[in-house]
Amino acid sequence: ANDKESNSEDREPPPFSPSVLPVEQNEVDLFRDTGLRYMGYANEAGEAFRAFIGASGVLASYAIASGYVVSDSIYQGYKTSRHLKKDGATGSNSTKMRIAMATLESLVW
């Protein structure tokens, strides 16, 4: 059992692993640690107030929520890229895959 544990510690984490992107001590995630995160729920408010805002208001609320999700995903890819560059990893296929997976994970999650 100890051999398996020591071997797993030596392996590089998968590109989509949260451990790929260390959190800086004072770093604030704009989309997740601020009030902006509530924009992701705009469609819920739109649906709740459908009777008052009409179909175009509901459509606008979905546009706001979708814009938030896409923006957050792009931002997560950017942060991953920035951290990997800081660590000296640039240009390789592995680096590009990690950035793509961080972006995709955020989009799907």
C-alpha atoms as a PDB file:
ATOM      1  CA  ALA A   1       0.000   0.000   0.000  1.00  0.00           C
ATOM      2  CA  ASN A   2       2.867   2.387   0.777  1.00  0.00           C
ATOM      3  CA  ASP A   3       4.413   1.807  -2.659  1.00  0.00           C
ATOM      4  CA  LYS A   4       1.197   2.918  -4.355  1.00  0.00           C
ATOM      5  CA  GLU A   5       1.031   6.049  -2.200  1.00  0.00           C
ATOM      6  CA  SER A   6       4.625   7.056  -2.897  1.00  0.00           C
ATOM      7  CA  ASN A   7       4.183   6.466  -6.637  1.00  0.00           C
ATOM      8  CA  SER A   8       1.003   8.542  -6.772  1.00  0.00           C
ATOM      9  CA  GLU A   9       2.785  11.454  -5.064  1.00  0.00           C
ATOM     10  CA  ASP A  10       5.480  11.438  -7.764  1.00  0.00           C
ATOM     11  CA  ARG A  11       2.986  11.738 -10.599  1.00  0.00           C
ATOM     12  CA  GLU A  12       2.007  15.039 -12.145  1.00  0.00           C
ATOM     13  CA  PRO A  13      -1.627  15.978 -11.452  1.00  0.00           C
ATOM     14  CA  PRO A  14      -4.054  15.748 -14.365  1.00  0.00           C
ATOM     15  CA  PRO A  15      -4.472  19.004 -16.311  1.00  0.00           C
ATOM     16  CA  PHE A  16      -7.938  19.599 -14.876  1.00  0.00           C
ATOM     17  CA  SER A  17      -6.939  19.052 -11.269  1.00  0.00           C
ATOM     18  CA  PRO A  18      -7.647  21.965  -8.924  1.00  0.00           C
ATOM     19  CA  SER A  19      -4.097  21.558  -7.603  1.00  0.00           C
ATOM     20  CA  VAL A  20      -2.789  22.864 -10.920  1.00  0.00           C
ATOM     21  CA  LEU A  21      -3.886  26.374 -10.001  1.00  0.00           C
ATOM     22  CA  PRO A  22      -2.584  27.376  -6.587  1.00  0.00           C
ATOM     23  CA  VAL A  23      -4.520  30.152  -4.902  1.00  0.00           C
ATOM     24  CA  GLU A  24      -2.400  33.156  -4.013  1.00  0.00           C
ATOM     25  CA  GLN A  25      -2.801  34.214  -0.415  1.00  0.00           C
ATOM     26  CA  ASN A  26      -4.328  37.642  -1.161  1.00  0.00           C
ATOM     27  CA  GLU A  27      -5.760  36.850  -4.578  1.00  0.00           C
ATOM     28  CA  VAL A  28      -9.443  37.626  -5.063  1.00  0.00           C
ATOM     29  CA  ASP A  29     -11.305  35.736  -7.758  1.00  0.00           C
ATOM     30  CA  LEU A  30     -13.367  38.450  -9.433  1.00  0.00           C
ATOM     31  CA  PHE A  31     -16.131  36.081 -10.522  1.00  0.00           C
ATOM     32  CA  ARG A  32     -16.341  33.899  -7.425  1.00  0.00           C
ATOM     33  CA  ASP A  33     -15.318  36.017  -4.432  1.00  0.00           C
ATOM     34  CA  THR A  34     -17.241  39.224  -5.168  1.00  0.00           C
ATOM     35  CA  GLY A  35     -20.865  40.220  -5.605  1.00  0.00           C
ATOM     36  CA  LEU A  36     -20.448  39.685  -9.333  1.00  0.00           C
ATOM     37  CA  ARG A  37     -21.051  35.971  -8.744  1.00  0.00           C
ATOM     38  CA  TYR A  38     -24.759  36.652  -8.327  1.00  0.00           C
ATOM     39  CA  MET A  39     -24.967  37.515 -12.025  1.00  0.00           C
ATOM     40  CA  GLY A  40     -24.796  33.773 -12.590  1.00  0.00           C
ATOM     41  CA  TYR A  41     -28.247  33.547 -11.027  1.00  0.00           C
ATOM     42  CA  ALA A  42     -29.829  36.322 -13.109  1.00  0.00           C
ATOM     43  CA  ASN A  43     -31.869  33.808 -15.094  1.00  0.00           C
ATOM     44  CA  GLU A  44     -33.448  32.550 -11.861  1.00  0.00           C
ATOM     45  CA  ALA A  45     -34.569  36.064 -10.986  1.00  0.00           C
ATOM     46  CA  GLY A  46     -35.828  36.523 -14.536  1.00  0.00           C
ATOM     47  CA  GLU A  47     -37.914  33.373 -14.322  1.00  0.00           C
ATOM     48  CA  ALA A  48     -39.229  34.375 -10.882  1.00  0.00           C
ATOM     49  CA  PHE A  49     -40.386  37.749 -12.185  1.00  0.00           C
ATOM     50  CA  ARG A  50     -41.567  36.557 -15.605  1.00  0.00           C
ATOM     51  CA  ALA A  51     -45.090  37.886 -15.015  1.00  0.00           C
ATOM     52  CA  PHE A  52     -43.711  41.364 -14.371  1.00  0.00           C
ATOM     53  CA  ILE A  53     -40.867  41.631 -16.882  1.00  0.00           C
ATOM     54  CA  GLY A  54     -42.245  39.635 -19.791  1.00  0.00           C
ATOM     55  CA  ALA A  55     -40.509  37.274 -22.179  1.00  0.00           C
ATOM     56  CA  SER A  56     -37.916  39.835 -23.301  1.00  0.00           C
ATOM     57  CA  GLY A  57     -36.888  40.450 -19.681  1.00  0.00           C
ATOM     58  CA  VAL A  58     -36.482  36.720 -19.113  1.00  0.00           C
ATOM     59  CA  LEU A  59     -34.409  36.454 -22.288  1.00  0.00           C
ATOM     60  CA  ALA A  60     -32.217  39.330 -21.073  1.00  0.00           C
ATOM     61  CA  SER A  61     -31.747  37.593 -17.719  1.00  0.00           C
ATOM     62  CA  TYR A  62     -30.524  34.450 -19.517  1.00  0.00           C
ATOM     63  CA  ALA A  63     -28.141  36.583 -21.587  1.00  0.00           C
ATOM     64  CA  ILE A  64     -26.710  38.091 -18.387  1.00  0.00           C
ATOM     65  CA  ALA A  65     -26.279  34.675 -16.727  1.00  0.00           C
ATOM     66  CA  SER A  66     -24.738  33.172 -19.877  1.00  0.00           C
ATOM     67  CA  GLY A  67     -22.360  36.112 -20.213  1.00  0.00           C
ATOM     68  CA  TYR A  68     -21.277  35.591 -16.625  1.00  0.00           C
ATOM     69  CA  VAL A  69     -20.564  31.891 -17.201  1.00  0.00           C
ATOM     70  CA  VAL A  70     -18.554  32.490 -20.375  1.00  0.00           C
ATOM     71  CA  SER A  71     -16.632  35.380 -18.786  1.00  0.00           C
ATOM     72  CA  ASP A  72     -15.802  33.303 -15.703  1.00  0.00           C
ATOM     73  CA  SER A  73     -14.566  30.454 -17.888  1.00  0.00           C
ATOM     74  CA  ILE A  74     -12.300  32.736 -19.887  1.00  0.00           C
ATOM     75  CA  TYR A  75     -11.012  34.302 -16.679  1.00  0.00           C
ATOM     76  CA  GLN A  76     -10.195  30.894 -15.179  1.00  0.00           C
ATOM     77  CA  GLY A  77      -8.227  30.020 -18.319  1.00  0.00           C
ATOM     78  CA  TYR A  78      -6.394  33.347 -18.089  1.00  0.00           C
ATOM     79  CA  LYS A  79      -5.550  32.779 -14.403  1.00  0.00           C
ATOM     80  CA  THR A  80      -4.264  29.303 -15.161  1.00  0.00           C
ATOM     81  CA  SER A  81      -2.132  30.683 -17.978  1.00  0.00           C
ATOM     82  CA  ARG A  82      -0.736  33.403 -15.730  1.00  0.00           C
ATOM     83  CA  HIS A  83       0.151  30.935 -12.966  1.00  0.00           C
ATOM     84  CA  LEU A  84       1.765  28.485 -15.353  1.00  0.00           C
ATOM     85  CA  LYS A  85       3.840  31.263 -16.946  1.00  0.00           C
ATOM     86  CA  LYS A  86       4.918  32.389 -13.477  1.00  0.00           C
ATOM     87  CA  ASP A  87       6.120  28.821 -12.847  1.00  0.00           C
ATOM     88  CA  GLY A  88       8.068  28.848 -16.118  1.00  0.00           C
ATOM     89  CA  ALA A  89       5.767  26.554 -18.123  1.00  0.00           C
ATOM     90  CA  THR A  90       5.099  28.127 -21.516  1.00  0.00           C
ATOM     91  CA  GLY A  91       4.227  26.993 -25.002  1.00  0.00           C
ATOM     92  CA  SER A  92       4.156  23.228 -24.547  1.00  0.00           C
ATOM     93  CA  ASN A  93       1.168  21.120 -25.466  1.00  0.00           C
ATOM     94  CA  SER A  94       0.818  20.131 -21.802  1.00  0.00           C
ATOM     95  CA  THR A  95       0.558  23.798 -20.801  1.00  0.00           C
ATOM     96  CA  LYS A  96      -2.033  24.502 -23.486  1.00  0.00           C
ATOM     97  CA  MET A  97      -4.000  21.442 -22.403  1.00  0.00           C
ATOM     98  CA  ARG A  98      -4.005  22.582 -18.770  1.00  0.00           C
ATOM     99  CA  ILE A  99      -5.303  26.010 -19.790  1.00  0.00           C
ATOM    100  CA  ALA A 100      -7.977  24.461 -22.010  1.00  0.00           C
ATOM    101  CA  MET A 101      -9.048  22.048 -19.292  1.00  0.00           C
ATOM    102  CA  ALA A 102      -9.266  24.799 -16.652  1.00  0.00           C
ATOM    103  CA  THR A 103     -11.434  26.821 -19.018  1.00  0.00           C
ATOM    104  CA  LEU A 104     -13.611  23.839 -19.900  1.00  0.00           C
ATOM    105  CA  GLU A 105     -13.959  22.752 -16.278  1.00  0.00           C
ATOM    106  CA  SER A 106     -15.188  26.213 -15.326  1.00  0.00           C
ATOM    107  CA  LEU A 107     -17.607  26.283 -18.246  1.00  0.00           C
ATOM    108  CA  VAL A 108     -19.102  22.884 -17.411  1.00  0.00           C
ATOM    109  CA  TRP A 109     -19.088  23.292 -13.654  1.00  0.00           C
END
